[in-house]
PDB file of N, CA and C in Angstrom:
ATOM      1  N   UNK A   1       7.335  -5.812  16.372  1.00  0.00           N
ATOM      2  CA  UNK A   1       7.821  -5.057  15.223  1.00  0.00           C
ATOM      3  C   UNK A   1       6.653  -4.819  14.269  1.00  0.00           C
ATOM      4  N   UNK A   2       6.393  -3.552  13.882  1.00  0.00           N
ATOM      5  CA  UNK A   2       5.297  -3.278  12.952  1.00  0.00           C
ATOM      6  C   UNK A   2       5.553  -3.915  11.588  1.00  0.00           C
ATOM      7  N   UNK A   3       4.478  -4.297  10.921  1.00  0.00           N
ATOM      8  CA  UNK A   3       4.595  -5.043   9.670  1.00  0.00           C
ATOM      9  C   UNK A   3       3.891  -4.306   8.531  1.00  0.00           C
ATOM     10  N   UNK A   4       4.627  -4.113   7.437  1.00  0.00           N
ATOM     11  CA  UNK A   4       4.110  -3.449   6.237  1.00  0.00           C
ATOM     12  C   UNK A   4       3.928  -4.475   5.133  1.00  0.00           C
ATOM     13  N   UNK A   5       2.781  -4.399   4.454  1.00  0.00           N
ATOM     14  CA  UNK A   5       2.584  -5.148   3.221  1.00  0.00           C
ATOM     15  C   UNK A   5       2.848  -4.187   2.070  1.00  0.00           C
ATOM     16  N   UNK A   6       3.789  -4.550   1.213  1.00  0.00           N
ATOM     17  CA  UNK A   6       4.134  -3.750   0.044  1.00  0.00           C
ATOM     18  C   UNK A   6       3.530  -4.445  -1.171  1.00  0.00           C
ATOM     19  N   UNK A   7       2.656  -3.739  -1.886  1.00  0.00           N
ATOM     20  CA  UNK A   7       1.987  -4.316  -3.053  1.00  0.00           C
ATOM     21  C   UNK A   7       2.248  -3.432  -4.263  1.00  0.00           C
ATOM     22  N   UNK A   8       3.166  -3.879  -5.112  1.00  0.00           N
ATOM     23  CA  UNK A   8       3.521  -3.121  -6.314  1.00  0.00           C
ATOM     24  C   UNK A   8       4.024  -4.096  -7.359  1.00  0.00           C
ATOM     25  N   UNK A   9       3.565  -3.962  -8.594  1.00  0.00           N
ATOM     26  CA  UNK A   9       3.984  -4.884  -9.644  1.00  0.00           C
ATOM     27  C   UNK A   9       5.342  -4.534 -10.243  1.00  0.00           C
ATOM     28  N   UNK A  10       5.945  -3.453  -9.767  1.00  0.00           N
ATOM     29  CA  UNK A  10       7.294  -3.097 -10.205  1.00  0.00           C
ATOM     30  C   UNK A  10       8.280  -3.538  -9.129  1.00  0.00           C
ATOM     31  N   UNK A  11       9.052  -4.619  -9.361  1.00  0.00           N
ATOM     32  CA  UNK A  11       9.968  -5.138  -8.345  1.00  0.00           C
ATOM     33  C   UNK A  11      10.965  -4.115  -7.822  1.00  0.00           C
ATOM     34  N   UNK A  12      11.412  -3.183  -8.685  1.00  0.00           N
ATOM     35  CA  UNK A  12      12.380  -2.176  -8.241  1.00  0.00           C
ATOM     36  C   UNK A  12      11.760  -1.245  -7.197  1.00  0.00           C
ATOM     37  N   UNK A  13      10.511  -0.876  -7.407  1.00  0.00           N
ATOM     38  CA  UNK A  13       9.814  -0.003  -6.452  1.00  0.00           C
ATOM     39  C   UNK A  13       9.612  -0.751  -5.141  1.00  0.00           C
ATOM     40  N   UNK A  14       9.146  -1.994  -5.231  1.00  0.00           N
ATOM     41  CA  UNK A  14       8.916  -2.797  -4.023  1.00  0.00           C
ATOM     42  C   UNK A  14      10.210  -2.957  -3.228  1.00  0.00           C
ATOM     43  N   UNK A  15      11.315  -3.180  -3.908  1.00  0.00           N
ATOM     44  CA  UNK A  15      12.604  -3.355  -3.241  1.00  0.00           C
ATOM     45  C   UNK A  15      13.056  -2.057  -2.571  1.00  0.00           C
ATOM     46  N   UNK A  16      12.860  -0.931  -3.235  1.00  0.00           N
ATOM     47  CA  UNK A  16      13.215   0.363  -2.658  1.00  0.00           C
ATOM     48  C   UNK A  16      12.411   0.621  -1.375  1.00  0.00           C
ATOM     49  N   UNK A  17      11.109   0.385  -1.428  1.00  0.00           N
ATOM     50  CA  UNK A  17      10.262   0.571  -0.251  1.00  0.00           C
ATOM     51  C   UNK A  17      10.708  -0.371   0.868  1.00  0.00           C
ATOM     52  N   UNK A  18      11.004  -1.601   0.512  1.00  0.00           N
ATOM     53  CA  UNK A  18      11.435  -2.590   1.500  1.00  0.00           C
ATOM     54  C   UNK A  18      12.710  -2.127   2.209  1.00  0.00           C
ATOM     55  N   UNK A  19      13.684  -1.637   1.452  1.00  0.00           N
ATOM     56  CA  UNK A  19      14.943  -1.182   2.056  1.00  0.00           C
ATOM     57  C   UNK A  19      14.702  -0.063   3.067  1.00  0.00           C
ATOM     58  N   UNK A  20      13.895   0.900   2.696  1.00  0.00           N
ATOM     59  CA  UNK A  20      13.605   2.007   3.612  1.00  0.00           C
ATOM     60  C   UNK A  20      12.787   1.538   4.808  1.00  0.00           C
ATOM     61  N   UNK A  21      11.842   0.650   4.583  1.00  0.00           N
ATOM     62  CA  UNK A  21      11.010   0.139   5.681  1.00  0.00           C
ATOM     63  C   UNK A  21      11.859  -0.639   6.688  1.00  0.00           C
ATOM     64  N   UNK A  22      12.769  -1.451   6.205  1.00  0.00           N
ATOM     65  CA  UNK A  22      13.636  -2.214   7.106  1.00  0.00           C
ATOM     66  C   UNK A  22      14.501  -1.272   7.944  1.00  0.00           C
ATOM     67  N   UNK A  23      15.012  -0.203   7.325  1.00  0.00           N
ATOM     68  CA  UNK A  23      15.803   0.790   8.066  1.00  0.00           C
ATOM     69  C   UNK A  23      14.990   1.452   9.169  1.00  0.00           C
ATOM     70  N   UNK A  24      13.689   1.572   8.944  1.00  0.00           N
ATOM     71  CA  UNK A  24      12.804   2.210   9.927  1.00  0.00           C
ATOM     72  C   UNK A  24      12.275   1.223  10.963  1.00  0.00           C
ATOM     73  N   UNK A  25      12.707  -0.044  10.873  1.00  0.00           N
ATOM     74  CA  UNK A  25      12.321  -1.021  11.878  1.00  0.00           C
ATOM     75  C   UNK A  25      11.056  -1.800  11.576  1.00  0.00           C
ATOM     76  N   UNK A  26      10.602  -1.766  10.333  1.00  0.00           N
ATOM     77  CA  UNK A  26       9.423  -2.522   9.939  1.00  0.00           C
ATOM     78  C   UNK A  26       9.806  -3.915   9.447  1.00  0.00           C
ATOM     79  N   UNK A  27       8.942  -4.854   9.679  1.00  0.00           N
ATOM     80  CA  UNK A  27       8.993  -6.152   9.016  1.00  0.00           C
ATOM     81  C   UNK A  27       8.196  -5.974   7.733  1.00  0.00           C
ATOM     82  N   UNK A  28       8.588  -6.648   6.652  1.00  0.00           N
ATOM     83  CA  UNK A  28       7.891  -6.447   5.383  1.00  0.00           C
ATOM     84  C   UNK A  28       7.455  -7.761   4.754  1.00  0.00           C
ATOM     85  N   UNK A  29       6.426  -7.664   3.947  1.00  0.00           N
ATOM     86  CA  UNK A  29       6.009  -8.732   3.046  1.00  0.00           C
ATOM     87  C   UNK A  29       5.711  -8.052   1.719  1.00  0.00           C
ATOM     88  N   UNK A  30       5.983  -8.723   0.610  1.00  0.00           N
ATOM     89  CA  UNK A  30       5.761  -8.133  -0.698  1.00  0.00           C
ATOM     90  C   UNK A  30       4.869  -9.035  -1.541  1.00  0.00           C
ATOM     91  N   UNK A  31       3.963  -8.403  -2.275  1.00  0.00           N
ATOM     92  CA  UNK A  31       3.148  -9.091  -3.271  1.00  0.00           C
ATOM     93  C   UNK A  31       3.132  -8.216  -4.515  1.00  0.00           C
ATOM     94  N   UNK A  32       2.716  -8.807  -5.644  1.00  0.00           N
ATOM     95  CA  UNK A  32       2.888  -8.113  -6.908  1.00  0.00           C
ATOM     96  C   UNK A  32       1.616  -7.954  -7.733  1.00  0.00           C
ATOM     97  N   UNK A  33       0.461  -8.380  -7.197  1.00  0.00           N
ATOM     98  CA  UNK A  33      -0.799  -8.112  -7.879  1.00  0.00           C
ATOM     99  C   UNK A  33      -1.930  -8.019  -6.856  1.00  0.00           C
ATOM    100  N   UNK A  34      -3.057  -7.490  -7.301  1.00  0.00           N
ATOM    101  CA  UNK A  34      -4.172  -7.234  -6.407  1.00  0.00           C
ATOM    102  C   UNK A  34      -4.776  -8.479  -5.778  1.00  0.00           C
ATOM    103  N   UNK A  35      -4.809  -9.572  -6.511  1.00  0.00           N
ATOM    104  CA  UNK A  35      -5.347 -10.819  -5.962  1.00  0.00           C
ATOM    105  C   UNK A  35      -4.471 -11.299  -4.804  1.00  0.00           C
ATOM    106  N   UNK A  36      -3.154 -11.193  -4.958  1.00  0.00           N
ATOM    107  CA  UNK A  36      -2.244 -11.590  -3.881  1.00  0.00           C
ATOM    108  C   UNK A  36      -2.456 -10.728  -2.638  1.00  0.00           C
ATOM    109  N   UNK A  37      -2.747  -9.443  -2.826  1.00  0.00           N
ATOM    110  CA  UNK A  37      -3.009  -8.552  -1.689  1.00  0.00           C
ATOM    111  C   UNK A  37      -4.191  -9.084  -0.886  1.00  0.00           C
ATOM    112  N   UNK A  38      -5.271  -9.369  -1.573  1.00  0.00           N
ATOM    113  CA  UNK A  38      -6.486  -9.849  -0.914  1.00  0.00           C
ATOM    114  C   UNK A  38      -6.224 -11.171  -0.200  1.00  0.00           C
ATOM    115  N   UNK A  39      -5.544 -12.082  -0.876  1.00  0.00           N
ATOM    116  CA  UNK A  39      -5.282 -13.408  -0.290  1.00  0.00           C
ATOM    117  C   UNK A  39      -4.403 -13.324   0.956  1.00  0.00           C
ATOM    118  N   UNK A  40      -3.331 -12.553   0.904  1.00  0.00           N
ATOM    119  CA  UNK A  40      -2.439 -12.495   2.061  1.00  0.00           C
ATOM    120  C   UNK A  40      -3.111 -11.772   3.233  1.00  0.00           C
ATOM    121  N   UNK A  41      -3.978 -10.809   2.934  1.00  0.00           N
ATOM    122  CA  UNK A  41      -4.680 -10.096   4.014  1.00  0.00           C
ATOM    123  C   UNK A  41      -5.715 -10.985   4.702  1.00  0.00           C
ATOM    124  N   UNK A  42      -6.188 -12.004   4.020  1.00  0.00           N
ATOM    125  CA  UNK A  42      -7.094 -12.969   4.654  1.00  0.00           C
ATOM    126  C   UNK A  42      -6.358 -13.836   5.662  1.00  0.00           C
ATOM    127  N   UNK A  43      -5.063 -14.061   5.427  1.00  0.00           N
ATOM    128  CA  UNK A  43      -4.273 -14.971   6.253  1.00  0.00           C
ATOM    129  C   UNK A  43      -3.445 -14.273   7.320  1.00  0.00           C
ATOM    130  N   UNK A  44      -3.028 -13.036   7.039  1.00  0.00           N
ATOM    131  CA  UNK A  44      -2.099 -12.348   7.936  1.00  0.00           C
ATOM    132  C   UNK A  44      -2.606 -10.964   8.288  1.00  0.00           C
ATOM    133  N   UNK A  45      -2.072 -10.432   9.376  1.00  0.00           N
ATOM    134  CA  UNK A  45      -2.381  -9.066   9.785  1.00  0.00           C
ATOM    135  C   UNK A  45      -1.180  -8.170   9.508  1.00  0.00           C
ATOM    136  N   UNK A  46      -1.467  -6.940   9.127  1.00  0.00           N
ATOM    137  CA  UNK A  46      -0.433  -5.950   8.845  1.00  0.00           C
ATOM    138  C   UNK A  46      -0.788  -4.661   9.555  1.00  0.00           C
ATOM    139  N   UNK A  47       0.218  -3.854   9.820  1.00  0.00           N
ATOM    140  CA  UNK A  47      -0.009  -2.555  10.439  1.00  0.00           C
ATOM    141  C   UNK A  47      -0.348  -1.494   9.396  1.00  0.00           C
ATOM    142  N   UNK A  48       0.099  -1.701   8.166  1.00  0.00           N
ATOM    143  CA  UNK A  48      -0.216  -0.796   7.058  1.00  0.00           C
ATOM    144  C   UNK A  48       0.051  -1.517   5.742  1.00  0.00           C
ATOM    145  N   UNK A  49      -0.693  -1.121   4.716  1.00  0.00           N
ATOM    146  CA  UNK A  49      -0.471  -1.619   3.354  1.00  0.00           C
ATOM    147  C   UNK A  49      -0.063  -0.428   2.499  1.00  0.00           C
ATOM    148  N   UNK A  50       1.061  -0.552   1.814  1.00  0.00           N
ATOM    149  CA  UNK A  50       1.471   0.434   0.820  1.00  0.00           C
ATOM    150  C   UNK A  50       1.213  -0.227  -0.530  1.00  0.00           C
ATOM    151  N   UNK A  51       0.244   0.331  -1.283  1.00  0.00           N
ATOM    152  CA  UNK A  51      -0.252  -0.381  -2.456  1.00  0.00           C
ATOM    153  C   UNK A  51      -0.333   0.516  -3.689  1.00  0.00           C
ATOM    154  N   UNK A  52       0.130  -0.025  -4.803  1.00  0.00           N
ATOM    155  CA  UNK A  52      -0.026   0.624  -6.097  1.00  0.00           C
ATOM    156  C   UNK A  52      -1.484   0.461  -6.534  1.00  0.00           C
ATOM    157  N   UNK A  53      -1.939   1.343  -7.389  1.00  0.00           N
ATOM    158  CA  UNK A  53      -3.288   1.206  -7.939  1.00  0.00           C
ATOM    159  C   UNK A  53      -3.260   0.308  -9.169  1.00  0.00           C
ATOM    160  N   UNK A  54      -2.316   0.566 -10.063  1.00  0.00           N
ATOM    161  CA  UNK A  54      -2.277  -0.165 -11.334  1.00  0.00           C
ATOM    162  C   UNK A  54      -1.443  -1.435 -11.192  1.00  0.00           C
ATOM    163  N   UNK A  55      -2.155  -2.525 -10.880  1.00  0.00           N
ATOM    164  CA  UNK A  55      -1.517  -3.836 -10.740  1.00  0.00           C
ATOM    165  C   UNK A  55      -2.295  -4.847 -11.569  1.00  0.00           C
ATOM    166  N   UNK A  56      -1.647  -5.950 -11.943  1.00  0.00           N
ATOM    167  CA  UNK A  56      -2.359  -6.984 -12.699  1.00  0.00           C
ATOM    168  C   UNK A  56      -3.390  -7.714 -11.840  1.00  0.00           C
ATOM    169  N   UNK A  57      -4.227  -8.449 -12.510  1.00  0.00           N
ATOM    170  CA  UNK A  57      -5.275  -9.290 -11.905  1.00  0.00           C
ATOM    171  C   UNK A  57      -6.401  -8.444 -11.332  1.00  0.00           C
ATOM    172  N   UNK A  58      -6.135  -7.705 -10.284  1.00  0.00           N
ATOM    173  CA  UNK A  58      -7.114  -6.817  -9.663  1.00  0.00           C
ATOM    174  C   UNK A  58      -6.391  -5.530  -9.300  1.00  0.00           C
ATOM    175  N   UNK A  59      -6.987  -4.391  -9.620  1.00  0.00           N
ATOM    176  CA  UNK A  59      -6.291  -3.142  -9.304  1.00  0.00           C
ATOM    177  C   UNK A  59      -6.374  -2.825  -7.809  1.00  0.00           C
ATOM    178  N   UNK A  60      -5.580  -1.859  -7.396  1.00  0.00           N
ATOM    179  CA  UNK A  60      -5.505  -1.501  -5.990  1.00  0.00           C
ATOM    180  C   UNK A  60      -6.810  -0.977  -5.423  1.00  0.00           C
ATOM    181  N   UNK A  61      -7.601  -0.259  -6.235  1.00  0.00           N
ATOM    182  CA  UNK A  61      -8.888   0.236  -5.757  1.00  0.00           C
ATOM    183  C   UNK A  61      -9.801  -0.927  -5.365  1.00  0.00           C
ATOM    184  N   UNK A  62      -9.893  -1.919  -6.251  1.00  0.00           N
ATOM    185  CA  UNK A  62     -10.752  -3.081  -5.971  1.00  0.00           C
ATOM    186  C   UNK A  62     -10.218  -3.876  -4.784  1.00  0.00           C
ATOM    187  N   UNK A  63      -8.896  -4.026  -4.722  1.00  0.00           N
ATOM    188  CA  UNK A  63      -8.302  -4.768  -3.606  1.00  0.00           C
ATOM    189  C   UNK A  63      -8.597  -4.066  -2.281  1.00  0.00           C
ATOM    190  N   UNK A  64      -8.492  -2.750  -2.263  1.00  0.00           N
ATOM    191  CA  UNK A  64      -8.765  -1.988  -1.044  1.00  0.00           C
ATOM    192  C   UNK A  64     -10.214  -2.177  -0.602  1.00  0.00           C
ATOM    193  N   UNK A  65     -11.147  -2.082  -1.547  1.00  0.00           N
ATOM    194  CA  UNK A  65     -12.562  -2.279  -1.222  1.00  0.00           C
ATOM    195  C   UNK A  65     -12.805  -3.664  -0.630  1.00  0.00           C
ATOM    196  N   UNK A  66     -12.146  -4.669  -1.190  1.00  0.00           N
ATOM    197  CA  UNK A  66     -12.321  -6.044  -0.707  1.00  0.00           C
ATOM    198  C   UNK A  66     -11.735  -6.209   0.698  1.00  0.00           C
ATOM    199  N   UNK A  67     -10.568  -5.661   0.936  1.00  0.00           N
ATOM    200  CA  UNK A  67      -9.928  -5.752   2.255  1.00  0.00           C
ATOM    201  C   UNK A  67     -10.781  -5.050   3.306  1.00  0.00           C
ATOM    202  N   UNK A  68     -11.349  -3.907   2.947  1.00  0.00           N
ATOM    203  CA  UNK A  68     -12.161  -3.126   3.890  1.00  0.00           C
ATOM    204  C   UNK A  68     -13.405  -3.878   4.363  1.00  0.00           C
ATOM    205  N   UNK A  69     -13.821  -4.896   3.637  1.00  0.00           N
ATOM    206  CA  UNK A  69     -14.985  -5.688   4.051  1.00  0.00           C
ATOM    207  C   UNK A  69     -14.724  -6.457   5.337  1.00  0.00           C
ATOM    208  N   UNK A  70     -13.459  -6.803   5.596  1.00  0.00           N
ATOM    209  CA  UNK A  70     -13.152  -7.646   6.755  1.00  0.00           C
ATOM    210  C   UNK A  70     -12.095  -7.073   7.699  1.00  0.00           C
ATOM    211  N   UNK A  71     -11.287  -6.130   7.230  1.00  0.00           N
ATOM    212  CA  UNK A  71     -10.193  -5.630   8.067  1.00  0.00           C
ATOM    213  C   UNK A  71     -10.099  -4.116   7.987  1.00  0.00           C
ATOM    214  N   UNK A  72      -9.555  -3.535   9.031  1.00  0.00           N
ATOM    215  CA  UNK A  72      -9.378  -2.093   9.105  1.00  0.00           C
ATOM    216  C   UNK A  72      -7.889  -1.743   9.138  1.00  0.00           C
ATOM    217  N   UNK A  73      -7.169  -2.228   8.141  1.00  0.00           N
ATOM    218  CA  UNK A  73      -5.733  -1.966   8.014  1.00  0.00           C
ATOM    219  C   UNK A  73      -5.560  -0.644   7.269  1.00  0.00           C
ATOM    220  N   UNK A  74      -4.742   0.273   7.773  1.00  0.00           N
ATOM    221  CA  UNK A  74      -4.499   1.505   7.016  1.00  0.00           C
ATOM    222  C   UNK A  74      -3.918   1.188   5.636  1.00  0.00           C
ATOM    223  N   UNK A  75      -4.440   1.869   4.612  1.00  0.00           N
ATOM    224  CA  UNK A  75      -3.984   1.685   3.233  1.00  0.00           C
ATOM    225  C   UNK A  75      -3.447   3.012   2.721  1.00  0.00           C
ATOM    226  N   UNK A  76      -2.208   2.977   2.244  1.00  0.00           N
ATOM    227  CA  UNK A  76      -1.576   4.123   1.625  1.00  0.00           C
ATOM    228  C   UNK A  76      -1.354   3.777   0.158  1.00  0.00           C
ATOM    229  N   UNK A  77      -2.061   4.470  -0.727  1.00  0.00           N
ATOM    230  CA  UNK A  77      -1.846   4.246  -2.150  1.00  0.00           C
ATOM    231  C   UNK A  77      -0.597   4.990  -2.590  1.00  0.00           C
ATOM    232  N   UNK A  78       0.247   4.280  -3.332  1.00  0.00           N
ATOM    233  CA  UNK A  78       1.452   4.845  -3.936  1.00  0.00           C
ATOM    234  C   UNK A  78       1.358   4.546  -5.419  1.00  0.00           C
ATOM    235  N   UNK A  79       1.070   5.565  -6.229  1.00  0.00           N
ATOM    236  CA  UNK A  79       0.711   5.302  -7.609  1.00  0.00           C
ATOM    237  C   UNK A  79       1.073   6.455  -8.535  1.00  0.00           C
ATOM    238  N   UNK A  80       1.170   6.145  -9.811  1.00  0.00           N
ATOM    239  CA  UNK A  80       1.384   7.173 -10.823  1.00  0.00           C
ATOM    240  C   UNK A  80       0.079   7.885 -11.166  1.00  0.00           C
ATOM    241  N   UNK A  81      -1.038   7.338 -10.742  1.00  0.00           N
ATOM    242  CA  UNK A  81      -2.346   7.946 -11.033  1.00  0.00           C
ATOM    243  C   UNK A  81      -2.588   9.094 -10.067  1.00  0.00           C
ATOM    244  N   UNK A  82      -2.368  10.314 -10.562  1.00  0.00           N
ATOM    245  CA  UNK A  82      -2.372  11.456  -9.669  1.00  0.00           C
ATOM    246  C   UNK A  82      -3.420  12.511  -9.954  1.00  0.00           C
ATOM    247  N   UNK A  83      -4.436  12.179 -10.764  1.00  0.00           N
ATOM    248  CA  UNK A  83      -5.473  13.176 -11.004  1.00  0.00           C
ATOM    249  C   UNK A  83      -6.307  13.359  -9.744  1.00  0.00           C
ATOM    250  N   UNK A  84      -6.987  14.489  -9.679  1.00  0.00           N
ATOM    251  CA  UNK A  84      -7.865  14.740  -8.535  1.00  0.00           C
ATOM    252  C   UNK A  84      -8.923  13.641  -8.439  1.00  0.00           C
ATOM    253  N   UNK A  85      -9.467  13.223  -9.577  1.00  0.00           N
ATOM    254  CA  UNK A  85     -10.469  12.158  -9.584  1.00  0.00           C
ATOM    255  C   UNK A  85      -9.906  10.875  -8.960  1.00  0.00           C
ATOM    256  N   UNK A  86      -8.701  10.479  -9.382  1.00  0.00           N
ATOM    257  CA  UNK A  86      -8.084   9.255  -8.844  1.00  0.00           C
ATOM    258  C   UNK A  86      -7.896   9.338  -7.342  1.00  0.00           C
ATOM    259  N   UNK A  87      -7.402  10.486  -6.881  1.00  0.00           N
ATOM    260  CA  UNK A  87      -7.170  10.651  -5.441  1.00  0.00           C
ATOM    261  C   UNK A  87      -8.483  10.579  -4.669  1.00  0.00           C
ATOM    262  N   UNK A  88      -9.490  11.296  -5.141  1.00  0.00           N
ATOM    263  CA  UNK A  88     -10.781  11.281  -4.448  1.00  0.00           C
ATOM    264  C   UNK A  88     -11.397   9.891  -4.464  1.00  0.00           C
ATOM    265  N   UNK A  89     -11.280   9.197  -5.601  1.00  0.00           N
ATOM    266  CA  UNK A  89     -11.806   7.837  -5.682  1.00  0.00           C
ATOM    267  C   UNK A  89     -11.045   6.918  -4.721  1.00  0.00           C
ATOM    268  N   UNK A  90      -9.737   7.105  -4.618  1.00  0.00           N
ATOM    269  CA  UNK A  90      -8.941   6.315  -3.679  1.00  0.00           C
ATOM    270  C   UNK A  90      -9.440   6.474  -2.251  1.00  0.00           C
ATOM    271  N   UNK A  91      -9.711   7.704  -1.860  1.00  0.00           N
ATOM    272  CA  UNK A  91     -10.240   7.927  -0.509  1.00  0.00           C
ATOM    273  C   UNK A  91     -11.650   7.356  -0.368  1.00  0.00           C
ATOM    274  N   UNK A  92     -12.426   7.427  -1.432  1.00  0.00           N
ATOM    275  CA  UNK A  92     -13.791   6.889  -1.410  1.00  0.00           C
ATOM    276  C   UNK A  92     -13.801   5.376  -1.181  1.00  0.00           C
ATOM    277  N   UNK A  93     -12.827   4.661  -1.761  1.00  0.00           N
ATOM    278  CA  UNK A  93     -12.796   3.201  -1.595  1.00  0.00           C
ATOM    279  C   UNK A  93     -12.115   2.768  -0.307  1.00  0.00           C
ATOM    280  N   UNK A  94     -11.583   3.735   0.453  1.00  0.00           N
ATOM    281  CA  UNK A  94     -11.056   3.372   1.767  1.00  0.00           C
ATOM    282  C   UNK A  94      -9.615   3.717   2.057  1.00  0.00           C
ATOM    283  N   UNK A  95      -8.936   4.426   1.156  1.00  0.00           N
ATOM    284  CA  UNK A  95      -7.539   4.788   1.409  1.00  0.00           C
ATOM    285  C   UNK A  95      -7.433   5.740   2.600  1.00  0.00           C
ATOM    286  N   UNK A  96      -6.370   5.585   3.354  1.00  0.00           N
ATOM    287  CA  UNK A  96      -6.068   6.491   4.453  1.00  0.00           C
ATOM    288  C   UNK A  96      -5.116   7.593   4.014  1.00  0.00           C
ATOM    289  N   UNK A  97      -4.348   7.324   2.947  1.00  0.00           N
ATOM    290  CA  UNK A  97      -3.406   8.298   2.429  1.00  0.00           C
ATOM    291  C   UNK A  97      -3.162   7.978   0.962  1.00  0.00           C
ATOM    292  N   UNK A  98      -2.607   8.944   0.220  1.00  0.00           N
ATOM    293  CA  UNK A  98      -2.418   8.797  -1.216  1.00  0.00           C
ATOM    294  C   UNK A  98      -1.183   9.594  -1.593  1.00  0.00           C
ATOM    295  N   UNK A  99      -0.202   8.935  -2.177  1.00  0.00           N
ATOM    296  CA  UNK A  99       1.044   9.570  -2.586  1.00  0.00           C
ATOM    297  C   UNK A  99       1.314   9.195  -4.039  1.00  0.00           C
ATOM    298  N   UNK A 100       1.707  10.176  -4.847  1.00  0.00           N
ATOM    299  CA  UNK A 100       1.938   9.896  -6.259  1.00  0.00           C
ATOM    300  C   UNK A 100       3.414   9.663  -6.563  1.00  0.00           C
ATOM    301  N   UNK A 101       3.654   8.845  -7.583  1.00  0.00           N
ATOM    302  CA  UNK A 101       4.993   8.580  -8.101  1.00  0.00           C
ATOM    303  C   UNK A 101       5.307   9.651  -9.129  1.00  0.00           C
ATOM    304  N   UNK A 102       6.545  10.098  -9.265  1.00  0.00           N
ATOM    305  CA  UNK A 102       7.696   9.722  -8.445  1.00  0.00           C
ATOM    306  C   UNK A 102       7.522  10.237  -7.021  1.00  0.00           C
ATOM    307  N   UNK A 103       8.181   9.575  -6.084  1.00  0.00           N
ATOM    308  CA  UNK A 103       7.975   9.870  -4.674  1.00  0.00           C
ATOM    309  C   UNK A 103       9.299   9.883  -3.931  1.00  0.00           C
ATOM    310  N   UNK A 104       9.271  10.484  -2.761  1.00  0.00           N
ATOM    311  CA  UNK A 104      10.416  10.475  -1.866  1.00  0.00           C
ATOM    312  C   UNK A 104      10.244   9.307  -0.889  1.00  0.00           C
ATOM    313  N   UNK A 105      11.174   8.353  -0.845  1.00  0.00           N
ATOM    314  CA  UNK A 105      11.058   7.252   0.116  1.00  0.00           C
ATOM    315  C   UNK A 105      10.988   7.735   1.564  1.00  0.00           C
ATOM    316  N   UNK A 106      11.673   8.837   1.860  1.00  0.00           N
ATOM    317  CA  UNK A 106      11.627   9.373   3.228  1.00  0.00           C
ATOM    318  C   UNK A 106      10.234   9.902   3.551  1.00  0.00           C
ATOM    319  N   UNK A 107       9.610  10.594   2.603  1.00  0.00           N
ATOM    320  CA  UNK A 107       8.240  11.063   2.818  1.00  0.00           C
ATOM    321  C   UNK A 107       7.288   9.885   2.958  1.00  0.00           C
ATOM    322  N   UNK A 108       7.482   8.864   2.149  1.00  0.00           N
ATOM    323  CA  UNK A 108       6.637   7.672   2.229  1.00  0.00           C
ATOM    324  C   UNK A 108       6.710   7.053   3.616  1.00  0.00           C
ATOM    325  N   UNK A 109       7.912   6.920   4.167  1.00  0.00           N
ATOM    326  CA  UNK A 109       8.064   6.333   5.510  1.00  0.00           C
ATOM    327  C   UNK A 109       7.441   7.224   6.580  1.00  0.00           C
ATOM    328  N   UNK A 110       7.556   8.546   6.413  1.00  0.00           N
ATOM    329  CA  UNK A 110       6.919   9.472   7.361  1.00  0.00           C
ATOM    330  C   UNK A 110       5.407   9.301   7.337  1.00  0.00           C
ATOM    331  N   UNK A 111       4.849   9.154   6.145  1.00  0.00           N
ATOM    332  CA  UNK A 111       3.407   8.957   6.019  1.00  0.00           C
ATOM    333  C   UNK A 111       2.999   7.602   6.596  1.00  0.00           C
ATOM    334  N   UNK A 112       3.809   6.580   6.374  1.00  0.00           N
ATOM    335  CA  UNK A 112       3.508   5.257   6.920  1.00  0.00           C
ATOM    336  C   UNK A 112       3.482   5.324   8.446  1.00  0.00           C
ATOM    337  N   UNK A 113       4.472   5.973   9.025  1.00  0.00           N
ATOM    338  CA  UNK A 113       4.504   6.121  10.485  1.00  0.00           C
ATOM    339  C   UNK A 113       3.270   6.859  10.988  1.00  0.00           C
ATOM    340  N   UNK A 114       2.882   7.902  10.278  1.00  0.00           N
ATOM    341  CA  UNK A 114       1.724   8.695  10.667  1.00  0.00           C
ATOM    342  C   UNK A 114       0.431   7.908  10.612  1.00  0.00           C
ATOM    343  N   UNK A 115       0.372   6.916   9.733  1.00  0.00           N
ATOM    344  CA  UNK A 115      -0.850   6.121   9.581  1.00  0.00           C
ATOM    345  C   UNK A 115      -0.866   4.885  10.471  1.00  0.00           C
ATOM    346  N   UNK A 116       0.252   4.562  11.092  1.00  0.00           N
ATOM    347  CA  UNK A 116       0.286   3.391  11.986  1.00  0.00           C
ATOM    348  C   UNK A 116       0.377   3.793  13.445  1.00  0.00           C
ATOM    349  N   UNK A 117       0.473   5.086  13.716  1.00  0.00           N
ATOM    350  CA  UNK A 117       0.622   5.562  15.099  1.00  0.00           C
ATOM    351  C   UNK A 117      -0.644   5.382  15.902  1.00  0.00           C
TER     352      UNK A 117
END
């Protein structure tokens, strides 16, 4: 069963993503700040990470850069930061995809599938 790491400091968003991911046959794990993302990725493997940019402790950009040092897990940023600069910077630090909030959970799952295929 493919496994998604959901990293978002908003519990409602994380729960929504989890519900849709479970319906699509994914196993999920959730964390709520950038440091937790880095720590869990050191211990476990995931098929994709769906990560917010604006999180406490360490932001998603920094977490992505740190993860990329040791693992090649697809990263899909899901964030309210939607400027062209933010998107380009996200890809520069290693994102495989970038989706802005508000978002369609169905589109998010389609993108997740596309990045784990």
